[in-house]
PDB file of N, CA and C in Angstrom:
ATOM      1  N   LEU A   1      20.266 176.433  87.925  1.00  0.00           N
ATOM      2  CA  LEU A   1      20.813 175.449  86.987  1.00  0.00           C
ATOM      3  C   LEU A   1      19.732 174.375  86.795  1.00  0.00           C
ATOM      4  N   ALA A   2      19.667 173.796  87.992  1.00  0.00           N
ATOM      5  CA  ALA A   2      18.902 172.707  88.079  1.00  0.00           C
ATOM      6  C   ALA A   2      17.567 173.117  87.670  1.00  0.00           C
ATOM      7  N   SER A   3      16.767 174.247  87.967  1.00  0.00           N
ATOM      8  CA  SER A   3      15.539 174.595  87.773  1.00  0.00           C
ATOM      9  C   SER A   3      15.249 174.679  86.010  1.00  0.00           C
ATOM     10  N   VAL A   4      16.363 174.913  85.346  1.00  0.00           N
ATOM     11  CA  VAL A   4      16.189 174.951  84.051  1.00  0.00           C
ATOM     12  C   VAL A   4      16.152 173.619  83.441  1.00  0.00           C
ATOM     13  N   PHE A   5      16.993 172.644  83.716  1.00  0.00           N
ATOM     14  CA  PHE A   5      16.990 171.455  83.197  1.00  0.00           C
ATOM     15  C   PHE A   5      15.903 170.364  83.484  1.00  0.00           C
ATOM     16  N   PHE A   6      15.480 170.458  84.812  1.00  0.00           N
ATOM     17  CA  PHE A   6      14.315 169.766  85.461  1.00  0.00           C
ATOM     18  C   PHE A   6      13.055 170.436  85.052  1.00  0.00           C
ATOM     19  N   GLN A   7      12.772 171.652  84.915  1.00  0.00           N
ATOM     20  CA  GLN A   7      11.405 172.302  84.612  1.00  0.00           C
ATOM     21  C   GLN A   7      10.938 171.799  83.382  1.00  0.00           C
ATOM     22  N   SER A   8       9.641 171.925  82.958  1.00  0.00           N
ATOM     23  CA  SER A   8       9.233 171.713  81.569  1.00  0.00           C
ATOM     24  C   SER A   8       9.792 172.933  80.508  1.00  0.00           C
ATOM     25  N   ARG A   9      10.121 172.480  79.219  1.00  0.00           N
ATOM     26  CA  ARG A   9      10.502 173.345  78.614  1.00  0.00           C
ATOM     27  C   ARG A   9       9.741 174.283  78.257  1.00  0.00           C
ATOM     28  N   GLU A  10       8.257 174.454  78.507  1.00  0.00           N
ATOM     29  CA  GLU A  10       7.604 175.547  78.242  1.00  0.00           C
ATOM     30  C   GLU A  10       7.554 176.628  79.666  1.00  0.00           C
ATOM     31  N   VAL A  11       7.901 175.949  80.665  1.00  0.00           N
ATOM     32  CA  VAL A  11       8.030 176.867  81.942  1.00  0.00           C
ATOM     33  C   VAL A  11       9.437 177.581  81.445  1.00  0.00           C
ATOM     34  N   VAL A  12      10.455 177.053  80.956  1.00  0.00           N
ATOM     35  CA  VAL A  12      11.631 177.945  80.969  1.00  0.00           C
ATOM     36  C   VAL A  12      11.631 178.758  79.606  1.00  0.00           C
ATOM     37  N   ILE A  13      10.962 178.386  78.756  1.00  0.00           N
ATOM     38  CA  ILE A  13      10.619 179.386  77.603  1.00  0.00           C
ATOM     39  C   ILE A  13       9.585 180.536  77.951  1.00  0.00           C
ATOM     40  N   LYS A  14       8.938 180.376  78.766  1.00  0.00           N
ATOM     41  CA  LYS A  14       8.149 181.560  79.326  1.00  0.00           C
ATOM     42  C   LYS A  14       8.872 182.389  80.283  1.00  0.00           C
ATOM     43  N   LYS A  15       9.796 181.772  81.161  1.00  0.00           N
ATOM     44  CA  LYS A  15      10.853 182.584  82.126  1.00  0.00           C
ATOM     45  C   LYS A  15      11.614 183.365  81.010  1.00  0.00           C
ATOM     46  N   LEU A  16      12.446 182.761  79.958  1.00  0.00           N
ATOM     47  CA  LEU A  16      13.270 183.568  78.907  1.00  0.00           C
ATOM     48  C   LEU A  16      12.445 184.546  78.170  1.00  0.00           C
ATOM     49  N   LEU A  17      11.348 184.686  77.968  1.00  0.00           N
ATOM     50  CA  LEU A  17      10.467 185.282  77.162  1.00  0.00           C
ATOM     51  C   LEU A  17       9.986 186.777  78.128  1.00  0.00           C
ATOM     52  N   GLU A  18       9.843 186.402  79.345  1.00  0.00           N
ATOM     53  CA  GLU A  18       9.385 187.296  80.210  1.00  0.00           C
ATOM     54  C   GLU A  18      10.595 188.193  80.873  1.00  0.00           C
ATOM     55  N   ASP A  19      11.651 187.333  81.465  1.00  0.00           N
ATOM     56  CA  ASP A  19      12.627 187.917  82.065  1.00  0.00           C
ATOM     57  C   ASP A  19      13.955 187.381  81.810  1.00  0.00           C
ATOM     58  N   ALA A  20      14.469 187.811  80.596  1.00  0.00           N
ATOM     59  CA  ALA A  20      15.842 187.387  80.497  1.00  0.00           C
ATOM     60  C   ALA A  20      16.719 187.682  81.357  1.00  0.00           C
ATOM     61  N   LYS A  21      16.573 188.810  81.991  1.00  0.00           N
ATOM     62  CA  LYS A  21      17.798 189.623  82.570  1.00  0.00           C
ATOM     63  C   LYS A  21      17.936 188.545  83.812  1.00  0.00           C
ATOM     64  N   SER A  22      17.089 188.012  84.318  1.00  0.00           N
ATOM     65  CA  SER A  22      17.275 187.280  85.578  1.00  0.00           C
ATOM     66  C   SER A  22      18.375 185.661  85.302  1.00  0.00           C
ATOM     67  N   PHE A  23      18.604 185.537  83.743  1.00  0.00           N
ATOM     68  CA  PHE A  23      19.552 184.620  83.577  1.00  0.00           C
ATOM     69  C   PHE A  23      20.727 185.173  83.545  1.00  0.00           C
ATOM     70  N   ASP A  24      22.049 184.693  84.328  1.00  0.00           N
ATOM     71  CA  ASP A  24      23.175 184.965  83.926  1.00  0.00           C
ATOM     72  C   ASP A  24      24.171 184.761  82.454  1.00  0.00           C
ATOM     73  N   THR A  25      24.630 185.108  81.927  1.00  0.00           N
ATOM     74  CA  THR A  25      25.441 184.909  80.747  1.00  0.00           C
ATOM     75  C   THR A  25      25.892 183.514  80.835  1.00  0.00           C
ATOM     76  N   SER A  26      26.789 183.260  81.896  1.00  0.00           N
ATOM     77  CA  SER A  26      27.344 181.812  81.758  1.00  0.00           C
ATOM     78  C   SER A  26      26.199 180.758  81.895  1.00  0.00           C
ATOM     79  N   LEU A  27      25.196 181.011  82.549  1.00  0.00           N
ATOM     80  CA  LEU A  27      23.994 180.057  82.526  1.00  0.00           C
ATOM     81  C   LEU A  27      23.651 179.850  80.975  1.00  0.00           C
ATOM     82  N   LEU A  28      23.409 181.106  80.162  1.00  0.00           N
ATOM     83  CA  LEU A  28      22.788 180.752  78.814  1.00  0.00           C
ATOM     84  C   LEU A  28      23.674 180.168  78.098  1.00  0.00           C
ATOM     85  N   ILE A  29      24.871 180.362  78.261  1.00  0.00           N
ATOM     86  CA  ILE A  29      26.072 179.887  77.450  1.00  0.00           C
ATOM     87  C   ILE A  29      26.155 178.196  77.814  1.00  0.00           C
ATOM     88  N   ILE A  30      25.948 177.833  79.029  1.00  0.00           N
ATOM     89  CA  ILE A  30      26.103 176.517  79.216  1.00  0.00           C
ATOM     90  C   ILE A  30      24.444 175.923  78.840  1.00  0.00           C
ATOM     91  N   MET A  31      23.501 176.598  78.666  1.00  0.00           N
ATOM     92  CA  MET A  31      22.215 176.031  78.445  1.00  0.00           C
ATOM     93  C   MET A  31      22.003 175.950  76.873  1.00  0.00           C
ATOM     94  N   LEU A  32      22.762 176.827  76.219  1.00  0.00           N
ATOM     95  CA  LEU A  32      23.052 176.786  74.425  1.00  0.00           C
ATOM     96  C   LEU A  32      23.851 175.590  74.305  1.00  0.00           C
ATOM     97  N   MET A  33      25.000 175.376  75.245  1.00  0.00           N
ATOM     98  CA  MET A  33      25.755 174.086  74.766  1.00  0.00           C
ATOM     99  C   MET A  33      24.982 172.705  75.196  1.00  0.00           C
ATOM    100  N   VAL A  34      24.154 172.956  75.648  1.00  0.00           N
ATOM    101  CA  VAL A  34      23.470 171.725  76.109  1.00  0.00           C
ATOM    102  C   VAL A  34      22.358 171.296  75.299  1.00  0.00           C
ATOM    103  N   PHE A  35      21.357 172.228  75.289  1.00  0.00           N
ATOM    104  CA  PHE A  35      20.412 172.118  74.420  1.00  0.00           C
ATOM    105  C   PHE A  35      20.477 172.155  72.804  1.00  0.00           C
ATOM    106  N   PHE A  36      21.719 172.888  72.422  1.00  0.00           N
ATOM    107  CA  PHE A  36      21.859 173.056  70.601  1.00  0.00           C
ATOM    108  C   PHE A  36      21.880 171.536  70.192  1.00  0.00           C
ATOM    109  N   PRO A  37      23.230 170.844  70.688  1.00  0.00           N
ATOM    110  CA  PRO A  37      23.641 169.638  70.155  1.00  0.00           C
ATOM    111  C   PRO A  37      22.383 168.408  70.361  1.00  0.00           C
ATOM    112  N   LEU A  38      21.646 168.574  71.507  1.00  0.00           N
ATOM    113  CA  LEU A  38      20.319 167.763  71.670  1.00  0.00           C
ATOM    114  C   LEU A  38      19.088 168.010  70.867  1.00  0.00           C
ATOM    115  N   MET A  39      19.197 169.278  70.417  1.00  0.00           N
ATOM    116  CA  MET A  39      18.057 169.511  69.337  1.00  0.00           C
ATOM    117  C   MET A  39      18.491 168.878  67.852  1.00  0.00           C
ATOM    118  N   ILE A  40      19.702 169.037  67.725  1.00  0.00           N
ATOM    119  CA  ILE A  40      20.499 168.572  66.423  1.00  0.00           C
ATOM    120  C   ILE A  40      20.353 166.868  66.511  1.00  0.00           C
ATOM    121  N   LEU A  41      20.436 166.452  67.455  1.00  0.00           N
ATOM    122  CA  LEU A  41      20.366 164.716  67.511  1.00  0.00           C
ATOM    123  C   LEU A  41      18.754 164.623  67.543  1.00  0.00           C
ATOM    124  N   GLY A  42      18.000 165.098  67.781  1.00  0.00           N
ATOM    125  CA  GLY A  42      16.465 165.151  67.757  1.00  0.00           C
ATOM    126  C   GLY A  42      16.378 165.166  66.293  1.00  0.00           C
ATOM    127  N   PHE A  43      16.998 166.083  65.662  1.00  0.00           N
ATOM    128  CA  PHE A  43      16.436 166.275  64.396  1.00  0.00           C
ATOM    129  C   PHE A  43      16.899 164.951  63.335  1.00  0.00           C
ATOM    130  N   GLY A  44      17.975 164.598  63.883  1.00  0.00           N
ATOM    131  CA  GLY A  44      18.776 163.117  63.035  1.00  0.00           C
ATOM    132  C   GLY A  44      18.425 161.985  63.691  1.00  0.00           C
ATOM    133  N   LEU A  45      17.357 161.858  64.302  1.00  0.00           N
ATOM    134  CA  LEU A  45      16.940 160.528  64.898  1.00  0.00           C
ATOM    135  C   LEU A  45      15.628 160.033  63.804  1.00  0.00           C
ATOM    136  N   ALA A  46      15.947 158.645  63.838  1.00  0.00           N
ATOM    137  CA  ALA A  46      14.941 157.893  63.000  1.00  0.00           C
ATOM    138  C   ALA A  46      13.495 157.808  63.414  1.00  0.00           C
ATOM    139  N   ILE A  47      13.345 158.034  64.799  1.00  0.00           N
ATOM    140  CA  ILE A  47      12.146 158.045  65.494  1.00  0.00           C
ATOM    141  C   ILE A  47      11.350 159.425  65.564  1.00  0.00           C
ATOM    142  N   PRO A  48      10.021 159.260  65.810  1.00  0.00           N
ATOM    143  CA  PRO A  48       9.304 160.645  65.771  1.00  0.00           C
ATOM    144  C   PRO A  48       9.593 161.558  67.180  1.00  0.00           C
ATOM    145  N   THR A  49      10.135 162.403  67.277  1.00  0.00           N
ATOM    146  CA  THR A  49      10.627 163.104  68.603  1.00  0.00           C
ATOM    147  C   THR A  49      10.131 164.526  68.282  1.00  0.00           C
ATOM    148  N   GLY A  50       9.680 165.307  69.119  1.00  0.00           N
ATOM    149  CA  GLY A  50       9.187 166.554  68.917  1.00  0.00           C
ATOM    150  C   GLY A  50      10.397 167.469  68.776  1.00  0.00           C
ATOM    151  N   VAL A  51      10.284 168.370  67.656  1.00  0.00           N
ATOM    152  CA  VAL A  51      11.010 169.177  67.092  1.00  0.00           C
ATOM    153  C   VAL A  51      11.094 170.792  67.426  1.00  0.00           C
ATOM    154  N   PHE A  52       9.429 170.972  67.746  1.00  0.00           N
ATOM    155  CA  PHE A  52       9.044 172.507  67.783  1.00  0.00           C
ATOM    156  C   PHE A  52       9.697 173.274  68.969  1.00  0.00           C
ATOM    157  N   MET A  53       9.356 172.467  70.146  1.00  0.00           N
ATOM    158  CA  MET A  53       9.872 173.261  71.493  1.00  0.00           C
ATOM    159  C   MET A  53      11.437 173.011  71.602  1.00  0.00           C
ATOM    160  N   PRO A  54      11.988 171.932  71.306  1.00  0.00           N
ATOM    161  CA  PRO A  54      13.551 172.396  71.294  1.00  0.00           C
ATOM    162  C   PRO A  54      14.042 173.430  70.522  1.00  0.00           C
ATOM    163  N   THR A  55      13.263 173.790  69.385  1.00  0.00           N
ATOM    164  CA  THR A  55      13.783 174.906  68.523  1.00  0.00           C
ATOM    165  C   THR A  55      13.597 176.227  69.177  1.00  0.00           C
ATOM    166  N   ILE A  56      12.536 176.246  69.611  1.00  0.00           N
ATOM    167  CA  ILE A  56      11.652 177.879  70.310  1.00  0.00           C
ATOM    168  C   ILE A  56      12.714 177.604  71.488  1.00  0.00           C
ATOM    169  N   LEU A  57      13.111 176.552  72.175  1.00  0.00           N
ATOM    170  CA  LEU A  57      13.982 177.196  73.439  1.00  0.00           C
ATOM    171  C   LEU A  57      15.214 177.180  72.987  1.00  0.00           C
ATOM    172  N   VAL A  58      16.019 176.748  72.100  1.00  0.00           N
ATOM    173  CA  VAL A  58      17.169 177.192  71.602  1.00  0.00           C
ATOM    174  C   VAL A  58      17.053 178.608  70.900  1.00  0.00           C
ATOM    175  N   GLY A  59      16.151 179.040  70.343  1.00  0.00           N
ATOM    176  CA  GLY A  59      15.932 180.471  69.828  1.00  0.00           C
ATOM    177  C   GLY A  59      15.949 181.271  71.092  1.00  0.00           C
ATOM    178  N   CYS A  60      15.203 180.853  72.218  1.00  0.00           N
ATOM    179  CA  CYS A  60      14.788 182.204  72.955  1.00  0.00           C
ATOM    180  C   CYS A  60      16.350 182.313  73.691  1.00  0.00           C
ATOM    181  N   ILE A  61      16.896 181.025  74.164  1.00  0.00           N
ATOM    182  CA  ILE A  61      18.392 181.245  74.539  1.00  0.00           C
ATOM    183  C   ILE A  61      19.117 181.910  73.732  1.00  0.00           C
ATOM    184  N   GLY A  62      19.301 181.768  72.504  1.00  0.00           N
ATOM    185  CA  GLY A  62      20.342 182.482  71.621  1.00  0.00           C
ATOM    186  C   GLY A  62      19.825 183.891  71.367  1.00  0.00           C
ATOM    187  N   GLY A  63      18.667 184.237  71.613  1.00  0.00           N
ATOM    188  CA  GLY A  63      17.917 185.654  71.751  1.00  0.00           C
ATOM    189  C   GLY A  63      18.537 186.385  72.845  1.00  0.00           C
ATOM    190  N   ALA A  64      18.184 185.811  74.015  1.00  0.00           N
ATOM    191  CA  ALA A  64      18.692 186.320  75.318  1.00  0.00           C
ATOM    192  C   ALA A  64      20.070 186.369  75.529  1.00  0.00           C
ATOM    193  N   LEU A  65      20.916 185.634  74.839  1.00  0.00           N
ATOM    194  CA  LEU A  65      22.476 185.544  75.008  1.00  0.00           C
ATOM    195  C   LEU A  65      22.914 186.914  73.926  1.00  0.00           C
ATOM    196  N   PHE A  66      22.274 186.704  72.978  1.00  0.00           N
ATOM    197  CA  PHE A  66      22.238 187.936  72.033  1.00  0.00           C
ATOM    198  C   PHE A  66      22.223 189.391  72.565  1.00  0.00           C
ATOM    199  N   GLY A  67      20.775 189.550  73.251  1.00  0.00           N
ATOM    200  CA  GLY A  67      20.662 190.693  74.051  1.00  0.00           C
ATOM    201  C   GLY A  67      21.705 191.171  74.947  1.00  0.00           C
ATOM    202  N   LYS A  68      22.043 190.243  75.657  1.00  0.00           N
ATOM    203  CA  LYS A  68      22.972 190.578  76.591  1.00  0.00           C
ATOM    204  C   LYS A  68      24.410 191.135  76.108  1.00  0.00           C
ATOM    205  N   ILE A  69      24.617 190.320  74.931  1.00  0.00           N
ATOM    206  CA  ILE A  69      25.783 190.793  74.390  1.00  0.00           C
ATOM    207  C   ILE A  69      25.680 192.477  73.640  1.00  0.00           C
ATOM    208  N   ILE A  70      24.581 192.725  72.952  1.00  0.00           N
ATOM    209  CA  ILE A  70      24.287 194.061  72.434  1.00  0.00           C
ATOM    210  C   ILE A  70      24.108 195.023  73.625  1.00  0.00           C
ATOM    211  N   VAL A  71      23.921 194.719  74.806  1.00  0.00           N
ATOM    212  CA  VAL A  71      23.510 195.645  76.044  1.00  0.00           C
ATOM    213  C   VAL A  71      25.294 195.696  76.561  1.00  0.00           C
ATOM    214  N   HIS A  72      25.897 194.978  76.475  1.00  0.00           N
ATOM    215  CA  HIS A  72      27.335 194.822  77.020  1.00  0.00           C
ATOM    216  C   HIS A  72      27.946 195.962  75.940  1.00  0.00           C
ATOM    217  N   LEU A  73      28.014 195.672  74.878  1.00  0.00           N
ATOM    218  CA  LEU A  73      28.704 196.228  73.814  1.00  0.00           C
ATOM    219  C   LEU A  73      28.086 197.900  74.058  1.00  0.00           C
ATOM    220  N   LYS A  74      27.074 198.117  74.095  1.00  0.00           N
ATOM    221  CA  LYS A  74      26.380 199.075  74.055  1.00  0.00           C
ATOM    222  C   LYS A  74      26.944 200.052  75.552  1.00  0.00           C
ATOM    223  N   SER A  75      26.851 199.653  76.329  1.00  0.00           N
ATOM    224  CA  SER A  75      27.342 200.323  77.555  1.00  0.00           C
ATOM    225  C   SER A  75      29.061 200.255  77.534  1.00  0.00           C
ATOM    226  N   PHE A  76      29.562 199.389  76.543  1.00  0.00           N
ATOM    227  CA  PHE A  76      30.853 199.327  76.567  1.00  0.00           C
ATOM    228  C   PHE A  76      31.645 200.677  75.860  1.00  0.00           C
ATOM    229  N   SER A  77      30.381 200.987  74.575  1.00  0.00           N
ATOM    230  CA  SER A  77      30.870 201.945  73.600  1.00  0.00           C
ATOM    231  C   SER A  77      30.609 203.549  74.473  1.00  0.00           C
ATOM    232  N   HIS A  78      29.593 203.458  75.347  1.00  0.00           N
ATOM    233  CA  HIS A  78      29.215 204.521  76.131  1.00  0.00           C
ATOM    234  C   HIS A  78      29.984 205.000  77.224  1.00  0.00           C
ATOM    235  N   SER A  79      31.012 204.034  77.466  1.00  0.00           N
ATOM    236  CA  SER A  79      31.857 204.343  78.635  1.00  0.00           C
ATOM    237  C   SER A  79      33.255 205.148  78.537  1.00  0.00           C
ATOM    238  N   ASP A  80      33.542 205.357  76.879  1.00  0.00           N
ATOM    239  CA  ASP A  80      34.811 206.131  76.648  1.00  0.00           C
ATOM    240  C   ASP A  80      34.412 207.667  77.157  1.00  0.00           C
ATOM    241  N   GLY A  81      33.178 208.169  77.220  1.00  0.00           N
ATOM    242  CA  GLY A  81      32.945 209.344  77.696  1.00  0.00           C
ATOM    243  C   GLY A  81      32.250 210.146  76.400  1.00  0.00           C
ATOM    244  N   HIS A  82      32.119 209.803  75.247  1.00  0.00           N
ATOM    245  CA  HIS A  82      31.569 210.202  74.105  1.00  0.00           C
ATOM    246  C   HIS A  82      29.925 209.630  73.920  1.00  0.00           C
ATOM    247  N   SER A  83      28.898 210.355  73.778  1.00  0.00           N
ATOM    248  CA  SER A  83      27.694 209.714  73.404  1.00  0.00           C
ATOM    249  C   SER A  83      27.281 210.215  72.184  1.00  0.00           C
ATOM    250  N   ASP A  84      26.014 209.522  71.667  1.00  0.00           N
ATOM    251  CA  ASP A  84      25.604 209.821  70.249  1.00  0.00           C
ATOM    252  C   ASP A  84      24.963 210.771  70.274  1.00  0.00           C
ATOM    253  N   ASP A  85      24.566 212.030  71.222  1.00  0.00           N
ATOM    254  CA  ASP A  85      24.192 213.302  71.107  1.00  0.00           C
ATOM    255  C   ASP A  85      25.387 214.401  70.949  1.00  0.00           C
ATOM    256  N   ASP A  86      26.712 214.052  70.862  1.00  0.00           N
ATOM    257  CA  ASP A  86      27.699 214.907  70.610  1.00  0.00           C
ATOM    258  C   ASP A  86      27.818 215.155  69.324  1.00  0.00           C
ATOM    259  N   ASN A  87      27.920 216.442  69.040  1.00  0.00           N
ATOM    260  CA  ASN A  87      28.256 216.802  67.677  1.00  0.00           C
ATOM    261  C   ASN A  87      29.833 217.117  66.947  1.00  0.00           C
ATOM    262  N   GLY A  88      30.465 217.201  68.014  1.00  0.00           N
ATOM    263  CA  GLY A  88      31.687 217.514  67.603  1.00  0.00           C
ATOM    264  C   GLY A  88      32.587 217.146  68.699  1.00  0.00           C
TER     265      GLY A  88
END
């Protein structure tokens, strides 16, 4: 968790894009809960702040979380013994 918050955003984005499986789902949820409000706060400030990198970071976190949810749902749907290849 500390490596995510204390490294540069570029390094975290690169890790998310290259190996999103290495991040735990709870860590992704915590990251989203922290970085999304900070991104919104940065958009609303009257001073010039960077908005591109926080937006990319939140998008990477959301995409990794969405991917984990889809993989979990797919494995859950195939655990009942039926597969897509069965015709009857």
